[in-house]
Amino acid sequence: MQKILIILGILIILAGIFYPVLKKIPLGKLPGDIVFQSGNSSFFFPIMTCIILSVLVSLVLNFFK
């Protein structure tokens, strides 16, 4: 359990360090993401972003398995 917490902490620190670079990646603004806006309300569902992240996470987990 301690090892998992240490790795999670390191990942959070790395995400914070690389945030300016990660912010420039257009995830959430891909073709196929659904955006509805009317008046003061909006609905956003990032279908393509979810698919791409799912594939990447699956590849990484299978690589370390």
PDB file of N, CA and C in Angstrom:
ATOM      1  N   MET A   1       0.830  -1.193   0.000  1.00  0.00           N
ATOM      2  CA  MET A   1       0.000   0.000   0.000  1.00  0.00           C
ATOM      3  C   MET A   1       0.875   1.257   0.000  1.00  0.00           C
ATOM      4  N   GLN A   2       1.964   1.220   0.745  1.00  0.00           N
ATOM      5  CA  GLN A   2       2.857   2.380   0.804  1.00  0.00           C
ATOM      6  C   GLN A   2       3.510   2.625  -0.551  1.00  0.00           C
ATOM      7  N   LYS A   3       3.851   1.554  -1.249  1.00  0.00           N
ATOM      8  CA  LYS A   3       4.485   1.679  -2.558  1.00  0.00           C
ATOM      9  C   LYS A   3       3.533   2.338  -3.565  1.00  0.00           C
ATOM     10  N   ILE A   4       2.266   1.964  -3.507  1.00  0.00           N
ATOM     11  CA  ILE A   4       1.265   2.547  -4.400  1.00  0.00           C
ATOM     12  C   ILE A   4       1.103   4.038  -4.124  1.00  0.00           C
ATOM     13  N   LEU A   5       1.073   4.421  -2.864  1.00  0.00           N
ATOM     14  CA  LEU A   5       0.936   5.836  -2.512  1.00  0.00           C
ATOM     15  C   LEU A   5       2.149   6.654  -2.954  1.00  0.00           C
ATOM     16  N   ILE A   6       3.334   6.086  -2.841  1.00  0.00           N
ATOM     17  CA  ILE A   6       4.544   6.785  -3.272  1.00  0.00           C
ATOM     18  C   ILE A   6       4.524   6.973  -4.787  1.00  0.00           C
ATOM     19  N   ILE A   7       4.159   5.929  -5.527  1.00  0.00           N
ATOM     20  CA  ILE A   7       4.090   6.031  -6.985  1.00  0.00           C
ATOM     21  C   ILE A   7       3.023   7.032  -7.401  1.00  0.00           C
ATOM     22  N   LEU A   8       1.878   7.017  -6.742  1.00  0.00           N
ATOM     23  CA  LEU A   8       0.806   7.972  -7.043  1.00  0.00           C
ATOM     24  C   LEU A   8       1.265   9.404  -6.772  1.00  0.00           C
ATOM     25  N   GLY A   9       1.981   9.615  -5.688  1.00  0.00           N
ATOM     26  CA  GLY A   9       2.511  10.941  -5.378  1.00  0.00           C
ATOM     27  C   GLY A   9       3.512  11.415  -6.423  1.00  0.00           C
ATOM     28  N   ILE A  10       4.376  10.510  -6.868  1.00  0.00           N
ATOM     29  CA  ILE A  10       5.350  10.869  -7.901  1.00  0.00           C
ATOM     30  C   ILE A  10       4.640  11.220  -9.203  1.00  0.00           C
ATOM     31  N   LEU A  11       3.595  10.471  -9.561  1.00  0.00           N
ATOM     32  CA  LEU A  11       2.837  10.779 -10.782  1.00  0.00           C
ATOM     33  C   LEU A  11       2.147  12.140 -10.696  1.00  0.00           C
ATOM     34  N   ILE A  12       1.626  12.479  -9.536  1.00  0.00           N
ATOM     35  CA  ILE A  12       0.986  13.787  -9.359  1.00  0.00           C
ATOM     36  C   ILE A  12       2.011  14.906  -9.466  1.00  0.00           C
ATOM     37  N   ILE A  13       3.186  14.711  -8.895  1.00  0.00           N
ATOM     38  CA  ILE A  13       4.254  15.713  -9.002  1.00  0.00           C
ATOM     39  C   ILE A  13       4.688  15.881 -10.448  1.00  0.00           C
ATOM     40  N   LEU A  14       4.855  14.774 -11.176  1.00  0.00           N
ATOM     41  CA  LEU A  14       5.244  14.849 -12.587  1.00  0.00           C
ATOM     42  C   LEU A  14       4.170  15.543 -13.428  1.00  0.00           C
ATOM     43  N   ALA A  15       2.903  15.268 -13.136  1.00  0.00           N
ATOM     44  CA  ALA A  15       1.818  15.941 -13.859  1.00  0.00           C
ATOM     45  C   ALA A  15       1.855  17.441 -13.597  1.00  0.00           C
ATOM     46  N   GLY A  16       2.181  17.841 -12.378  1.00  0.00           N
ATOM     47  CA  GLY A  16       2.296  19.258 -12.058  1.00  0.00           C
ATOM     48  C   GLY A  16       3.468  19.925 -12.751  1.00  0.00           C
ATOM     49  N   ILE A  17       4.574  19.203 -12.852  1.00  0.00           N
ATOM     50  CA  ILE A  17       5.756  19.761 -13.519  1.00  0.00           C
ATOM     51  C   ILE A  17       5.503  19.922 -15.014  1.00  0.00           C
ATOM     52  N   PHE A  18       4.871  18.918 -15.633  1.00  0.00           N
ATOM     53  CA  PHE A  18       4.653  18.943 -17.072  1.00  0.00           C
ATOM     54  C   PHE A  18       3.319  19.565 -17.471  1.00  0.00           C
ATOM     55  N   TYR A  19       2.616  20.207 -16.553  1.00  0.00           N
ATOM     56  CA  TYR A  19       1.315  20.798 -16.847  1.00  0.00           C
ATOM     57  C   TYR A  19       1.351  21.814 -17.995  1.00  0.00           C
ATOM     58  N   PRO A  20       2.336  22.711 -18.070  1.00  0.00           N
ATOM     59  CA  PRO A  20       2.345  23.644 -19.209  1.00  0.00           C
ATOM     60  C   PRO A  20       2.436  22.943 -20.562  1.00  0.00           C
ATOM     61  N   VAL A  21       3.152  21.839 -20.616  1.00  0.00           N
ATOM     62  CA  VAL A  21       3.253  21.090 -21.871  1.00  0.00           C
ATOM     63  C   VAL A  21       1.961  20.314 -22.127  1.00  0.00           C
ATOM     64  N   LEU A  22       1.411  19.701 -21.083  1.00  0.00           N
ATOM     65  CA  LEU A  22       0.195  18.908 -21.228  1.00  0.00           C
ATOM     66  C   LEU A  22      -1.012  19.769 -21.588  1.00  0.00           C
ATOM     67  N   LYS A  23      -0.981  21.032 -21.180  1.00  0.00           N
ATOM     68  CA  LYS A  23      -2.097  21.932 -21.460  1.00  0.00           C
ATOM     69  C   LYS A  23      -2.234  22.210 -22.951  1.00  0.00           C
ATOM     70  N   LYS A  24      -1.129  22.107 -23.705  1.00  0.00           N
ATOM     71  CA  LYS A  24      -1.144  22.390 -25.134  1.00  0.00           C
ATOM     72  C   LYS A  24      -1.672  21.220 -25.965  1.00  0.00           C
ATOM     73  N   ILE A  25      -1.796  20.024 -25.369  1.00  0.00           N
ATOM     74  CA  ILE A  25      -2.334  18.868 -26.083  1.00  0.00           C
ATOM     75  C   ILE A  25      -3.843  19.083 -26.245  1.00  0.00           C
ATOM     76  N   PRO A  26      -4.363  18.909 -27.462  1.00  0.00           N
ATOM     77  CA  PRO A  26      -5.774  19.254 -27.708  1.00  0.00           C
ATOM     78  C   PRO A  26      -6.787  18.215 -27.255  1.00  0.00           C
ATOM     79  N   LEU A  27      -6.518  17.472 -26.182  1.00  0.00           N
ATOM     80  CA  LEU A  27      -7.507  16.526 -25.686  1.00  0.00           C
ATOM     81  C   LEU A  27      -8.720  17.284 -25.167  1.00  0.00           C
ATOM     82  N   GLY A  28      -9.900  16.814 -25.528  1.00  0.00           N
ATOM     83  CA  GLY A  28     -11.130  17.496 -25.156  1.00  0.00           C
ATOM     84  C   GLY A  28     -11.631  18.412 -26.244  1.00  0.00           C
ATOM     85  N   LYS A  29     -10.837  18.611 -27.279  1.00  0.00           N
ATOM     86  CA  LYS A  29     -11.233  19.464 -28.394  1.00  0.00           C
ATOM     87  C   LYS A  29     -11.080  18.719 -29.720  1.00  0.00           C
ATOM     88  N   LEU A  30     -11.203  17.404 -29.683  1.00  0.00           N
ATOM     89  CA  LEU A  30     -11.011  16.585 -30.868  1.00  0.00           C
ATOM     90  C   LEU A  30     -12.294  16.504 -31.690  1.00  0.00           C
ATOM     91  N   PRO A  31     -12.169  16.223 -32.990  1.00  0.00           N
ATOM     92  CA  PRO A  31     -13.378  15.965 -33.783  1.00  0.00           C
ATOM     93  C   PRO A  31     -14.064  14.710 -33.231  1.00  0.00           C
ATOM     94  N   GLY A  32     -15.343  14.753 -33.055  1.00  0.00           N
ATOM     95  CA  GLY A  32     -16.076  13.631 -32.474  1.00  0.00           C
ATOM     96  C   GLY A  32     -16.511  13.904 -31.049  1.00  0.00           C
ATOM     97  N   ASP A  33     -15.948  14.922 -30.414  1.00  0.00           N
ATOM     98  CA  ASP A  33     -16.409  15.328 -29.089  1.00  0.00           C
ATOM     99  C   ASP A  33     -17.711  16.101 -29.252  1.00  0.00           C
ATOM    100  N   ILE A  34     -18.678  15.783 -28.417  1.00  0.00           N
ATOM    101  CA  ILE A  34     -20.008  16.386 -28.543  1.00  0.00           C
ATOM    102  C   ILE A  34     -20.108  17.616 -27.660  1.00  0.00           C
ATOM    103  N   VAL A  35     -20.536  18.743 -28.261  1.00  0.00           N
ATOM    104  CA  VAL A  35     -20.723  19.991 -27.514  1.00  0.00           C
ATOM    105  C   VAL A  35     -22.066  20.583 -27.925  1.00  0.00           C
ATOM    106  N   PHE A  36     -22.959  20.771 -26.961  1.00  0.00           N
ATOM    107  CA  PHE A  36     -24.235  21.450 -27.185  1.00  0.00           C
ATOM    108  C   PHE A  36     -24.251  22.714 -26.343  1.00  0.00           C
ATOM    109  N   GLN A  37     -24.546  23.846 -26.962  1.00  0.00           N
ATOM    110  CA  GLN A  37     -24.645  25.105 -26.228  1.00  0.00           C
ATOM    111  C   GLN A  37     -25.950  25.790 -26.624  1.00  0.00           C
ATOM    112  N   SER A  38     -26.700  26.213 -25.616  1.00  0.00           N
ATOM    113  CA  SER A  38     -27.904  26.994 -25.881  1.00  0.00           C
ATOM    114  C   SER A  38     -28.147  27.915 -24.686  1.00  0.00           C
ATOM    115  N   GLY A  39     -28.203  29.182 -24.967  1.00  0.00           N
ATOM    116  CA  GLY A  39     -28.428  30.156 -23.900  1.00  0.00           C
ATOM    117  C   GLY A  39     -27.326  30.122 -22.863  1.00  0.00           C
ATOM    118  N   ASN A  40     -27.741  29.932 -21.607  1.00  0.00           N
ATOM    119  CA  ASN A  40     -26.789  29.922 -20.499  1.00  0.00           C
ATOM    120  C   ASN A  40     -26.301  28.523 -20.131  1.00  0.00           C
ATOM    121  N   SER A  41     -26.762  27.494 -20.845  1.00  0.00           N
ATOM    122  CA  SER A  41     -26.361  26.136 -20.495  1.00  0.00           C
ATOM    123  C   SER A  41     -25.548  25.506 -21.624  1.00  0.00           C
ATOM    124  N   SER A  42     -24.711  24.570 -21.237  1.00  0.00           N
ATOM    125  CA  SER A  42     -23.918  23.847 -22.231  1.00  0.00           C
ATOM    126  C   SER A  42     -23.715  22.415 -21.751  1.00  0.00           C
ATOM    127  N   PHE A  43     -23.545  21.520 -22.722  1.00  0.00           N
ATOM    128  CA  PHE A  43     -23.301  20.104 -22.440  1.00  0.00           C
ATOM    129  C   PHE A  43     -22.096  19.682 -23.253  1.00  0.00           C
ATOM    130  N   PHE A  44     -21.136  19.039 -22.608  1.00  0.00           N
ATOM    131  CA  PHE A  44     -19.909  18.615 -23.260  1.00  0.00           C
ATOM    132  C   PHE A  44     -19.652  17.156 -22.941  1.00  0.00           C
ATOM    133  N   PHE A  45     -19.511  16.315 -23.979  1.00  0.00           N
ATOM    134  CA  PHE A  45     -19.200  14.903 -23.780  1.00  0.00           C
ATOM    135  C   PHE A  45     -18.068  14.518 -24.721  1.00  0.00           C
ATOM    136  N   PRO A  46     -16.859  14.315 -24.204  1.00  0.00           N
ATOM    137  CA  PRO A  46     -15.688  14.055 -25.044  1.00  0.00           C
ATOM    138  C   PRO A  46     -15.555  12.579 -25.436  1.00  0.00           C
ATOM    139  N   ILE A  47     -16.341  12.130 -26.420  1.00  0.00           N
ATOM    140  CA  ILE A  47     -16.328  10.723 -26.814  1.00  0.00           C
ATOM    141  C   ILE A  47     -14.962  10.306 -27.354  1.00  0.00           C
ATOM    142  N   MET A  48     -14.436  11.032 -28.320  1.00  0.00           N
ATOM    143  CA  MET A  48     -13.155  10.654 -28.928  1.00  0.00           C
ATOM    144  C   MET A  48     -12.002  10.735 -27.924  1.00  0.00           C
ATOM    145  N   THR A  49     -12.045  11.723 -27.069  1.00  0.00           N
ATOM    146  CA  THR A  49     -11.008  11.840 -26.039  1.00  0.00           C
ATOM    147  C   THR A  49     -11.050  10.632 -25.114  1.00  0.00           C
ATOM    148  N   CYS A  50     -12.240  10.194 -24.725  1.00  0.00           N
ATOM    149  CA  CYS A  50     -12.372   9.019 -23.857  1.00  0.00           C
ATOM    150  C   CYS A  50     -11.848   7.758 -24.545  1.00  0.00           C
ATOM    151  N   ILE A  51     -12.141   7.617 -25.842  1.00  0.00           N
ATOM    152  CA  ILE A  51     -11.683   6.438 -26.577  1.00  0.00           C
ATOM    153  C   ILE A  51     -10.155   6.421 -26.665  1.00  0.00           C
ATOM    154  N   ILE A  52      -9.565   7.562 -27.008  1.00  0.00           N
ATOM    155  CA  ILE A  52      -8.109   7.638 -27.140  1.00  0.00           C
ATOM    156  C   ILE A  52      -7.426   7.378 -25.798  1.00  0.00           C
ATOM    157  N   LEU A  53      -7.927   7.981 -24.730  1.00  0.00           N
ATOM    158  CA  LEU A  53      -7.335   7.739 -23.409  1.00  0.00           C
ATOM    159  C   LEU A  53      -7.503   6.289 -22.972  1.00  0.00           C
ATOM    160  N   SER A  54      -8.627   5.670 -23.297  1.00  0.00           N
ATOM    161  CA  SER A  54      -8.862   4.272 -22.956  1.00  0.00           C
ATOM    162  C   SER A  54      -7.865   3.368 -23.673  1.00  0.00           C
ATOM    163  N   VAL A  55      -7.634   3.630 -24.947  1.00  0.00           N
ATOM    164  CA  VAL A  55      -6.670   2.826 -25.702  1.00  0.00           C
ATOM    165  C   VAL A  55      -5.265   3.011 -25.132  1.00  0.00           C
ATOM    166  N   LEU A  56      -4.879   4.245 -24.835  1.00  0.00           N
ATOM    167  CA  LEU A  56      -3.547   4.493 -24.287  1.00  0.00           C
ATOM    168  C   LEU A  56      -3.345   3.826 -22.935  1.00  0.00           C
ATOM    169  N   VAL A  57      -4.326   3.926 -22.058  1.00  0.00           N
ATOM    170  CA  VAL A  57      -4.223   3.297 -20.737  1.00  0.00           C
ATOM    171  C   VAL A  57      -4.167   1.778 -20.871  1.00  0.00           C
ATOM    172  N   SER A  58      -4.961   1.209 -21.783  1.00  0.00           N
ATOM    173  CA  SER A  58      -4.935  -0.234 -22.008  1.00  0.00           C
ATOM    174  C   SER A  58      -3.569  -0.690 -22.511  1.00  0.00           C
ATOM    175  N   LEU A  59      -2.983   0.071 -23.445  1.00  0.00           N
ATOM    176  CA  LEU A  59      -1.661  -0.287 -23.948  1.00  0.00           C
ATOM    177  C   LEU A  59      -0.602  -0.222 -22.853  1.00  0.00           C
ATOM    178  N   VAL A  60      -0.653   0.820 -22.029  1.00  0.00           N
ATOM    179  CA  VAL A  60       0.336   0.964 -20.955  1.00  0.00           C
ATOM    180  C   VAL A  60       0.172  -0.161 -19.934  1.00  0.00           C
ATOM    181  N   LEU A  61      -1.055  -0.477 -19.559  1.00  0.00           N
ATOM    182  CA  LEU A  61      -1.279  -1.540 -18.575  1.00  0.00           C
ATOM    183  C   LEU A  61      -0.879  -2.895 -19.119  1.00  0.00           C
ATOM    184  N   ASN A  62      -1.137  -3.167 -20.402  1.00  0.00           N
ATOM    185  CA  ASN A  62      -0.723  -4.432 -21.000  1.00  0.00           C
ATOM    186  C   ASN A  62       0.784  -4.519 -21.142  1.00  0.00           C
ATOM    187  N   PHE A  63       1.434  -3.378 -21.340  1.00  0.00           N
ATOM    188  CA  PHE A  63       2.887  -3.357 -21.456  1.00  0.00           C
ATOM    189  C   PHE A  63       3.547  -3.723 -20.126  1.00  0.00           C
ATOM    190  N   PHE A  64       2.986  -3.253 -19.013  1.00  0.00           N
ATOM    191  CA  PHE A  64       3.569  -3.506 -17.695  1.00  0.00           C
ATOM    192  C   PHE A  64       3.031  -4.782 -17.038  1.00  0.00           C
ATOM    193  N   LYS A  65       2.141  -5.483 -17.706  1.00  0.00           N
ATOM    194  CA  LYS A  65       1.539  -6.680 -17.122  1.00  0.00           C
ATOM    195  C   LYS A  65       2.521  -7.809 -17.062  1.00  0.00           C
TER     196      LYS A  65
END
